[in-house]
Protein backbone atom coordinates (compact mmCIF):
# COMPACT_ATOMS: atom_id res chain seq x y z
CA MET A 1 -43.49 -22.81 44.27
CA LYS A 2 -43.56 -19.23 45.40
CA ALA A 3 -40.66 -19.73 47.78
CA SER A 4 -38.60 -21.49 45.11
CA THR A 5 -38.75 -18.55 42.73
CA THR A 6 -37.68 -15.93 45.21
CA PRO A 7 -33.89 -16.58 44.97
CA THR A 8 -34.08 -16.55 41.19
CA LYS A 9 -35.62 -13.11 41.15
CA ARG A 10 -32.86 -11.83 43.32
CA VAL A 11 -30.03 -12.94 41.01
CA THR A 12 -31.42 -12.70 37.46
CA THR A 13 -31.39 -9.01 36.62
CA PRO A 14 -31.67 -7.54 33.10
CA TRP A 15 -28.25 -7.16 31.46
CA ALA A 16 -29.04 -3.90 29.64
CA PRO A 17 -28.15 -1.52 32.50
CA LEU A 18 -24.89 -3.39 33.01
CA ALA A 19 -23.92 -3.25 29.35
CA LEU A 20 -24.84 0.41 29.20
CA GLY A 21 -22.78 1.09 32.28
CA LEU A 22 -19.74 -0.67 30.83
CA ALA A 23 -20.04 1.21 27.57
CA MET A 24 -20.50 4.55 29.32
CA ALA A 25 -17.59 3.86 31.64
CA TRP A 26 -15.31 3.11 28.69
CA SER A 27 -16.53 6.20 26.84
CA TRP A 28 -16.09 8.49 29.85
CA GLY A 29 -12.72 6.99 30.71
CA THR A 30 -11.29 7.60 27.26
CA ALA A 31 -12.99 10.89 26.36
CA ALA A 32 -10.28 13.01 27.95
CA GLN A 33 -7.44 11.53 25.89
CA ALA A 34 -9.41 10.20 22.89
CA GLN A 35 -8.80 11.51 19.38
CA SER A 36 -11.36 12.46 16.76
CA LEU A 37 -11.37 11.19 13.20
CA LEU A 38 -10.15 14.52 11.83
CA GLU A 39 -7.36 14.73 14.38
CA LEU A 40 -6.04 11.30 13.48
CA TYR A 41 -6.37 12.07 9.77
CA GLY A 42 -4.13 15.11 10.23
CA ALA A 43 -1.55 12.92 11.93
CA ALA A 44 -1.80 10.22 9.25
CA ARG A 45 -1.43 12.74 6.43
CA ASP A 46 1.95 13.80 7.80
CA TYR A 47 3.11 10.31 8.79
CA ASP A 48 1.74 7.79 6.30
CA SER A 49 4.59 6.42 4.20
CA THR A 50 2.32 5.47 1.28
CA LEU A 51 1.11 9.03 0.86
CA THR A 52 4.65 10.36 1.37
CA ALA A 53 5.88 8.09 -1.41
CA ALA A 54 3.10 9.37 -3.68
CA ARG A 55 4.09 12.97 -2.95
CA LEU A 56 7.74 12.26 -3.71
CA GLN A 57 6.79 10.48 -6.91
CA HIS A 58 4.78 13.54 -7.92
CA GLU A 59 7.78 15.78 -7.27
CA ALA A 60 9.94 13.46 -9.38
CA ASN A 61 7.34 13.59 -12.17
CA LEU A 62 7.38 17.39 -12.08
CA ALA A 63 11.17 17.41 -12.41
CA ARG A 64 11.01 14.87 -15.25
CA ALA A 65 8.45 16.99 -17.06
CA ALA A 66 10.66 20.07 -16.71
CA GLN A 67 13.46 18.17 -18.41
CA ALA A 68 11.43 17.92 -21.59
CA ARG A 69 11.40 21.71 -21.96
CA ALA A 70 15.19 21.66 -22.25
CA GLY A 71 14.81 20.42 -25.82
CA LEU A 72 13.32 23.79 -26.78
CA LEU A 73 15.79 26.02 -24.95
CA PRO A 74 19.30 27.16 -25.95
CA GLN A 75 22.28 24.95 -25.19
CA ALA A 76 25.74 26.33 -24.38
CA GLY A 77 29.08 24.75 -23.64
CA LEU A 78 32.65 25.70 -22.86
CA SER A 79 35.61 23.64 -24.00
CA ALA A 80 39.37 24.02 -23.64
CA GLY A 81 42.43 22.08 -24.68
CA ALA A 82 46.22 22.15 -24.60
CA ASN A 83 48.75 20.15 -26.65
CA TRP A 84 52.47 19.69 -26.39
CA ALA A 85 54.53 18.27 -29.28
CA ASN A 86 58.17 17.14 -29.67
CA VAL A 87 59.23 16.78 -33.34
CA ASP A 88 62.41 14.90 -34.37
CA SER A 89 62.72 15.01 -38.17
CA SER A 90 65.46 13.60 -40.43
CA ALA A 91 64.91 16.51 -42.81
CA LEU A 92 65.92 19.09 -40.22
CA PRO A 93 68.75 18.86 -37.72
CA GLY A 94 67.86 18.64 -34.01
CA THR A 95 64.45 18.42 -32.40
CA ARG A 96 61.72 20.97 -32.07
CA THR A 97 59.10 21.41 -29.39
CA SER A 98 55.84 23.27 -29.68
CA ASN A 99 52.66 23.73 -27.73
CA SER A 100 49.18 25.06 -28.48
CA GLN A 101 46.10 25.99 -26.47
CA ASN A 102 42.50 26.71 -27.37
CA VAL A 103 39.32 27.80 -25.61
CA ALA A 104 35.91 27.67 -27.31
CA LEU A 105 32.44 28.81 -26.28
CA SER A 106 29.68 27.25 -28.38
CA ALA A 107 25.90 27.63 -28.28
CA SER A 108 22.89 26.35 -30.22
CA GLN A 109 19.21 27.15 -30.37
CA PRO A 110 16.73 24.65 -31.83
CA LEU A 111 14.66 26.33 -34.56
CA TYR A 112 12.73 23.38 -35.91
CA ARG A 113 12.68 20.15 -33.93
CA PRO A 114 9.15 18.66 -33.99
CA ALA A 115 10.09 15.74 -31.75
CA ASN A 116 11.24 18.11 -29.00
CA ARG A 117 8.05 20.16 -29.25
CA ILE A 118 5.90 17.05 -28.98
CA GLY A 119 7.95 15.88 -26.01
CA ASN A 120 7.18 19.15 -24.25
CA GLU A 121 3.45 18.63 -24.87
CA GLN A 122 3.72 15.15 -23.40
CA ALA A 123 5.39 16.58 -20.32
CA ALA A 124 2.48 18.94 -19.71
CA LEU A 125 0.04 16.02 -19.93
CA SER A 126 2.17 13.91 -17.61
CA ILE A 127 1.90 16.59 -14.93
CA GLU A 128 -1.90 16.35 -15.04
CA ALA A 129 -1.70 12.56 -14.80
CA SER A 130 0.70 12.81 -11.87
CA GLU A 131 -1.63 15.18 -10.02
CA ALA A 132 -4.48 12.70 -10.56
CA GLN A 133 -2.37 9.88 -9.11
CA LEU A 134 -1.59 12.00 -6.06
CA THR A 135 -5.30 12.71 -5.59
CA LEU A 136 -5.98 8.96 -5.69
CA ALA A 137 -3.37 8.40 -3.00
CA GLU A 138 -4.96 11.07 -0.79
CA GLN A 139 -8.40 9.54 -1.26
CA ASP A 140 -7.01 6.12 -0.40
CA LEU A 141 -5.61 7.48 2.86
CA VAL A 142 -9.02 8.88 3.84
CA VAL A 143 -10.61 5.45 3.39
CA ARG A 144 -7.76 3.53 5.02
CA LEU A 145 -7.80 5.78 8.07
CA SER A 146 -11.59 5.65 8.41
CA GLN A 147 -11.57 1.88 8.11
CA ALA A 148 -8.84 1.52 10.73
CA TYR A 149 -10.61 4.02 13.01
CA PHE A 150 -13.94 2.17 12.96
CA ASP A 151 -12.21 -1.21 13.12
CA VAL A 152 -10.91 -0.18 16.54
CA LEU A 153 -14.36 1.01 17.62
CA ALA A 154 -15.93 -2.25 16.41
CA ALA A 155 -13.35 -4.30 18.28
CA GLN A 156 -13.89 -2.19 21.40
CA ASP A 157 -17.66 -2.69 21.11
CA THR A 158 -17.14 -6.43 20.84
CA VAL A 159 -15.07 -6.44 24.02
CA THR A 160 -17.66 -4.29 25.82
CA PHE A 161 -20.57 -6.48 24.78
CA ILE A 162 -18.73 -9.69 25.63
CA GLU A 163 -17.86 -8.30 29.07
CA ALA A 164 -21.52 -7.47 29.64
CA GLN A 165 -22.56 -10.89 28.37
CA LYS A 166 -20.01 -12.53 30.62
CA ALA A 167 -21.41 -10.66 33.62
CA ALA A 168 -24.95 -11.67 32.69
CA VAL A 169 -23.97 -15.31 32.20
CA SER A 170 -22.12 -15.20 35.51
CA GLU A 171 -25.29 -14.06 37.23
CA GLN A 172 -27.25 -16.79 35.46
CA LEU A 173 -24.65 -19.35 36.55
CA ALA A 174 -24.90 -18.17 40.16
CA ALA A 175 -28.70 -18.40 39.98
CA ALA A 176 -28.53 -21.94 38.58
CA ARG A 177 -26.21 -23.00 41.38
CA ARG A 178 -28.46 -21.52 44.03
CA ASN A 179 -31.52 -23.12 42.51
CA PHE A 180 -29.75 -26.47 42.39
CA GLU A 181 -28.70 -26.15 46.01
CA VAL A 182 -32.29 -25.49 47.12
CA GLY A 183 -33.56 -28.24 44.85
CA THR A 184 -35.61 -26.13 42.42
CA SER A 185 -33.51 -26.98 39.34
CA THR A 186 -31.37 -29.78 38.03
CA ILE A 187 -27.60 -29.96 37.60
CA THR A 188 -28.19 -29.56 33.85
CA ASP A 189 -28.96 -25.85 34.29
CA THR A 190 -25.70 -25.35 36.16
CA ARG A 191 -23.66 -27.21 33.58
CA GLU A 192 -25.28 -25.33 30.70
CA ALA A 193 -24.57 -22.01 32.36
CA GLN A 194 -20.99 -23.08 33.11
CA ALA A 195 -20.45 -24.13 29.49
CA ARG A 196 -21.80 -20.82 28.25
CA PHE A 197 -19.60 -18.93 30.74
CA ASP A 198 -16.50 -20.81 29.53
CA LEU A 199 -17.41 -20.08 25.91
CA VAL A 200 -17.87 -16.39 26.59
CA SER A 201 -14.53 -16.32 28.45
CA ALA A 202 -12.81 -17.77 25.38
CA GLN A 203 -14.56 -15.23 23.17
CA GLU A 204 -13.37 -12.45 25.46
CA ILE A 205 -9.74 -13.53 25.05
CA ALA A 206 -10.07 -13.54 21.26
CA ALA A 207 -11.89 -10.18 21.29
CA ARG A 208 -9.22 -8.51 23.41
CA ASN A 209 -6.48 -9.79 21.13
CA ASP A 210 -8.39 -8.54 18.07
CA LEU A 211 -8.72 -5.12 19.73
CA ARG A 212 -4.99 -5.06 20.40
CA VAL A 213 -4.21 -5.87 16.75
CA LYS A 214 -6.65 -3.24 15.45
CA LYS A 215 -5.13 -0.58 17.71
CA LEU A 216 -1.63 -1.46 16.53
CA ALA A 217 -2.76 -1.03 12.92
CA LEU A 218 -4.23 2.39 13.68
CA ASP A 219 -1.14 3.39 15.66
CA GLN A 220 1.09 2.49 12.74
CA LEU A 221 -1.07 4.42 10.31
CA VAL A 222 -1.05 7.69 12.28
CA GLY A 223 2.38 7.42 13.91
CA ARG A 224 1.08 7.55 17.48
CA ALA A 225 1.06 5.12 20.37
CA ASP A 226 -2.06 4.04 22.24
CA THR A 227 -4.59 5.82 20.05
CA ALA A 228 -8.13 5.97 21.45
CA PRO A 229 -10.80 6.83 18.87
CA LEU A 230 -13.89 8.68 20.02
CA PRO A 231 -17.00 6.45 19.90
CA LEU A 232 -20.18 7.27 18.03
CA ALA A 233 -22.71 9.37 19.89
CA LEU A 234 -25.92 7.43 20.54
CA PRO A 235 -28.47 7.47 19.08
CA VAL A 236 -26.82 7.47 15.66
CA THR A 237 -28.54 9.06 12.69
CA ILE A 238 -27.12 7.59 9.49
CA PRO A 239 -27.15 10.23 6.71
CA ALA A 240 -29.05 9.31 3.54
CA VAL A 241 -27.29 8.74 0.24
CA GLN A 242 -27.41 11.80 -2.00
CA PRO A 243 -28.10 11.67 -4.90
CA GLU A 244 -30.46 8.70 -4.68
CA SER A 245 -29.64 7.25 -8.10
CA PRO A 246 -26.68 5.05 -9.09
CA ASP A 247 -26.71 6.60 -12.56
CA ALA A 248 -26.16 10.03 -11.03
CA TRP A 249 -23.13 8.71 -9.13
CA VAL A 250 -21.76 7.09 -12.28
CA ALA A 251 -22.23 10.36 -14.17
CA ARG A 252 -20.19 12.12 -11.50
CA ALA A 253 -17.48 9.50 -11.79
CA VAL A 254 -17.28 9.82 -15.57
CA GLU A 255 -16.96 13.60 -15.31
CA GLY A 256 -13.97 13.85 -13.03
CA HIS A 257 -12.63 10.62 -11.60
CA PRO A 258 -8.85 10.97 -11.04
CA ALA A 259 -8.17 7.44 -12.32
CA LEU A 260 -10.13 8.18 -15.49
CA LEU A 261 -8.24 11.46 -15.92
CA ALA A 262 -4.91 9.69 -15.51
CA ALA A 263 -5.88 6.99 -18.02
CA GLY A 264 -7.07 9.64 -20.46
CA ARG A 265 -3.80 11.52 -20.21
CA ALA A 266 -1.90 8.27 -20.71
CA ARG A 267 -3.81 7.73 -23.96
CA ASP A 268 -3.10 11.31 -25.08
CA ILE A 269 0.60 10.85 -24.33
CA ALA A 270 0.58 7.62 -26.35
CA GLN A 271 -0.99 9.43 -29.30
CA LEU A 272 1.69 12.12 -29.10
CA GLU A 273 4.34 9.39 -28.94
CA THR A 274 3.15 8.18 -32.34
CA ARG A 275 3.49 11.70 -33.72
CA LYS A 276 6.96 11.90 -32.20
CA ALA A 277 7.96 8.64 -33.89
CA GLU A 278 6.64 9.90 -37.23
CA ALA A 279 8.71 13.07 -36.75
CA GLY A 280 11.82 10.93 -37.15
CA HIS A 281 11.43 11.38 -40.92
CA ARG A 282 11.41 15.17 -40.65
CA PRO A 283 14.43 17.48 -40.90
CA THR A 284 15.82 19.52 -38.02
CA LEU A 285 17.19 23.03 -38.07
CA ASP A 286 19.38 24.65 -35.39
CA LEU A 287 21.00 28.03 -34.98
CA VAL A 288 24.63 27.48 -33.93
CA GLY A 289 27.38 29.85 -32.90
CA GLN A 290 30.94 29.60 -31.61
CA TYR A 291 33.68 31.88 -30.34
CA GLN A 292 37.15 30.30 -30.15
CA ILE A 293 40.52 31.56 -28.94
CA SER A 294 43.55 29.51 -30.00
CA ARG A 295 47.29 29.97 -29.54
CA GLY A 296 49.99 27.95 -31.24
CA PRO A 297 53.06 27.95 -33.52
CA SER A 298 52.78 29.28 -37.04
CA SER A 299 54.53 27.97 -40.13
CA MET A 300 54.63 31.46 -41.61
CA ALA A 301 56.07 33.43 -38.70
CA PRO A 302 58.32 32.61 -35.80
CA GLY A 303 56.90 32.33 -32.29
CA GLN A 304 53.35 31.80 -31.07
CA VAL A 305 50.32 33.09 -32.94
CA ARG A 306 46.95 33.86 -31.35
CA ASN A 307 43.73 33.55 -33.33
CA ASN A 308 40.26 34.73 -32.27
CA THR A 309 37.51 33.15 -34.35
CA ALA A 310 33.77 33.91 -34.15
CA SER A 311 31.19 32.05 -36.21
CA VAL A 312 27.42 31.82 -36.49
CA GLY A 313 25.30 29.72 -38.81
CA LEU A 314 22.47 27.31 -39.42
CA GLN A 315 22.75 23.56 -39.09
CA PHE A 316 20.35 21.44 -41.16
CA ASN A 317 19.90 17.70 -40.81
CA LEU A 318 17.63 15.43 -42.87
CA PRO A 319 17.41 11.68 -42.11
CA LEU A 320 17.52 9.66 -45.32
CA PHE A 321 17.64 6.05 -44.19
CA ALA A 322 17.84 4.57 -40.68
CA GLY A 323 17.52 0.87 -41.40
CA TYR A 324 13.71 0.89 -41.00
CA ALA A 325 14.08 1.88 -37.36
CA ILE A 326 11.65 4.79 -37.71
CA GLN A 327 8.98 2.72 -39.48
CA ASN A 328 9.12 0.02 -36.83
CA ARG A 329 9.05 2.60 -34.08
CA VAL A 330 5.83 3.99 -35.56
CA LYS A 331 4.30 0.50 -35.60
CA GLU A 332 5.25 0.08 -31.94
CA THR A 333 3.73 3.37 -30.87
CA LEU A 334 0.52 2.68 -32.79
CA ALA A 335 0.10 -0.57 -30.89
CA LEU A 336 0.81 1.18 -27.61
CA GLU A 337 -1.70 3.88 -28.53
CA GLU A 338 -4.41 1.26 -29.03
CA LYS A 339 -3.38 -0.37 -25.74
CA ALA A 340 -3.75 2.94 -23.90
CA GLY A 341 -7.20 3.40 -25.44
CA ALA A 342 -8.25 -0.07 -24.31
CA GLU A 343 -6.98 0.63 -20.81
CA LEU A 344 -8.97 3.87 -20.73
CA GLU A 345 -12.13 2.00 -21.70
CA SER A 346 -11.41 -0.69 -19.10
CA THR A 347 -10.87 1.95 -16.43
CA SER A 348 -14.15 3.62 -17.34
CA ARG A 349 -16.05 0.35 -17.10
CA ASN A 350 -14.41 -0.62 -13.82
CA ILE A 351 -15.21 2.77 -12.29
CA ALA A 352 -18.85 2.52 -13.33
CA GLN A 353 -19.13 -1.00 -11.93
CA ALA A 354 -17.35 -0.11 -8.68
CA THR A 355 -19.53 2.99 -8.23
CA ARG A 356 -22.75 1.04 -8.68
CA ALA A 357 -21.54 -1.71 -6.35
CA ALA A 358 -20.58 0.83 -3.69
CA TYR A 359 -23.94 2.59 -4.05
CA PHE A 360 -25.97 -0.58 -3.60
CA GLY A 361 -23.65 -1.64 -0.79
CA VAL A 362 -24.49 1.53 1.13
CA LEU A 363 -28.21 1.08 0.51
CA SER A 364 -27.98 -2.51 1.70
CA GLY A 365 -26.06 -1.39 4.77
CA ILE A 366 -28.66 1.23 5.67
CA GLY A 367 -31.39 -1.38 5.33
CA GLN A 368 -29.40 -3.76 7.49
CA VAL A 369 -29.00 -1.11 10.19
CA ARG A 370 -32.78 -0.54 10.29
CA ALA A 371 -33.44 -4.28 10.42
CA LEU A 372 -30.93 -4.80 13.22
CA GLU A 373 -32.40 -1.91 15.20
CA ALA A 374 -35.76 -3.68 15.04
CA ALA A 375 -34.07 -6.99 15.88
CA GLU A 376 -32.40 -5.39 18.89
CA ALA A 377 -35.74 -4.30 20.30
CA SER A 378 -37.22 -7.74 19.59
CA SER A 379 -34.27 -9.53 21.16
CA GLN A 380 -34.52 -7.34 24.25
CA SER A 381 -38.20 -8.21 24.60
CA ALA A 382 -37.45 -11.90 24.02
CA LEU A 383 -34.78 -11.87 26.76
CA GLU A 384 -37.09 -10.23 29.26
CA ALA A 385 -39.84 -12.72 28.40
CA ASN A 386 -37.45 -15.66 28.83
CA GLN A 387 -36.21 -14.28 32.16
CA LEU A 388 -39.77 -13.93 33.37
CA GLY A 389 -40.62 -17.40 32.09
CA TYR A 390 -37.59 -18.83 33.87
CA GLN A 391 -38.69 -17.19 37.10
CA VAL A 392 -42.15 -18.71 36.91
CA GLY A 393 -40.86 -22.07 35.73
CA VAL A 394 -42.03 -22.19 32.12
CA ARG A 395 -38.55 -21.57 30.64
CA ILE A 396 -35.29 -23.34 31.40
CA ASN A 397 -31.86 -21.87 31.89
CA ILE A 398 -30.66 -22.54 28.36
CA ASP A 399 -33.53 -20.45 26.99
CA VAL A 400 -32.33 -17.44 28.96
CA LEU A 401 -28.72 -18.04 27.93
CA ASN A 402 -29.66 -18.29 24.26
CA ALA A 403 -31.75 -15.12 24.49
CA GLN A 404 -28.84 -13.30 26.10
CA SER A 405 -26.44 -14.50 23.42
CA GLN A 406 -28.81 -13.48 20.65
CA LEU A 407 -29.24 -10.00 22.07
CA PHE A 408 -25.50 -9.42 22.48
CA GLN A 409 -24.86 -10.72 18.97
CA THR A 410 -27.54 -8.41 17.58
CA LYS A 411 -26.08 -5.39 19.37
CA ARG A 412 -22.61 -6.21 18.12
CA ASP A 413 -23.88 -6.70 14.55
CA LEU A 414 -25.79 -3.41 14.75
CA ALA A 415 -22.72 -1.48 15.84
CA GLN A 416 -20.65 -3.10 13.08
CA ALA A 417 -23.35 -2.35 10.50
CA ARG A 418 -23.33 1.34 11.44
CA TYR A 419 -19.57 1.52 11.03
CA ASN A 420 -19.79 -0.29 7.70
CA VAL A 421 -22.35 2.21 6.40
CA LEU A 422 -20.23 5.21 7.39
CA VAL A 423 -17.12 3.76 5.76
CA GLY A 424 -19.22 2.58 2.82
CA GLN A 425 -20.40 6.11 2.14
CA LEU A 426 -16.78 7.24 1.99
CA ARG A 427 -15.97 4.34 -0.33
CA LEU A 428 -18.87 5.36 -2.56
CA LYS A 429 -17.41 8.84 -2.92
CA GLN A 430 -14.01 7.32 -3.53
CA ALA A 431 -15.44 5.01 -6.21
CA SER A 432 -17.00 8.01 -7.94
CA GLY A 433 -13.81 10.07 -7.59
CA GLN A 434 -15.45 12.73 -5.40
CA LEU A 435 -13.84 11.91 -2.05
CA SER A 436 -11.83 14.55 -0.17
CA ALA A 437 -10.76 15.23 3.40
CA GLU A 438 -13.79 17.52 3.77
CA ASP A 439 -16.02 14.45 3.63
CA LEU A 440 -14.65 13.37 7.01
CA LYS A 441 -16.30 16.32 8.76
CA PRO A 442 -19.90 14.97 8.67
CA VAL A 443 -18.64 11.62 9.96
CA ASP A 444 -16.56 13.28 12.64
CA ALA A 445 -19.63 15.24 13.78
CA LEU A 446 -21.31 11.93 14.70
CA LEU A 447 -18.66 11.15 17.33
CA ALA A 448 -19.28 11.60 21.05
CA ARG A 449 -17.35 14.36 22.79
């Protein structure tokens, strides 16, 4: 019995040093050219087409808002004309020709136009709403980049762990073959190890393809080729959630969430639109002026006569009846005003629900990380116990293989859980409307350099 266990001892070594070596080799190999989270965010901020479109939309909204002020400013125009006439009359012998020219400069200044004034107020509110929409787009980029960044790290971890598992299974397969050759085990151990090796090989192919896809997504987001994110520095200390109350996070969201601000401004604009529609019944008053130069024939004197005419005055207009168009317009705007109010309330409720869900999601993730850390230690102990039991003959090969698989799965789940918590904390700040690029710095500080 003693002689039969000697070959097994020589070939079944703990997998942990191997996995650690693979992970360290990948980390050291990519550290020189790897990029940090902040570095890739800077690249994405300049390259991302979604954020660029949001910026351009904001610029268009600013220009549209500036147009509304034109209704309060003076208007001026220049006009000119020339006419030629050929008169053939039976009352007078022969034909006569004449020509005339005129040039006019006219200007007007609105004195009382309530609809134009309300339109200018709406424009000011629309600028605030547009700025809120741009802030939402910037927050979305922070989350999208962080998710893509840690997706690559998670896929890389999966490949690393599967490679380590494949090496460990390969050693177990070699041990089973040797033991079968010397007659200390059955062919079943060899076939079980071979089946597990084939399964891990298939998983490796899928993991490498997933890593390739995740890298392509990150490359497209930041506009770079062959990005290599820095891994987390081990051991990882997950920061606690502050404040530790979902109600406090909801209160923050209600105070200054960009989506809530945009919905509030949309309601205010709708209310002003009702006032603008009601202003259709009101009169308007403009200051108008004109200076005209004309030249043409005169019936009182021969030849061409030139006239210079300057005028200034007030122009008053009072709508009397417009076929009930104004009344129906008011009804329309009142309905739209109520709709905007309902959308504001819906936005407020959705933000509160999303904030609470994100908060409890982070808490659950932190608890999952702690549980998986304990499970990792337990799985490591279980593997070592199964390896020892296999050496002394009280465990079979499949027990060792299952223990190895459980440990690798636990390590992979633990790494994924850490990434989920870090991204979840950013999503919590996004849900409460507090997220900014500065929030990437604490996460970036956790990366290995």
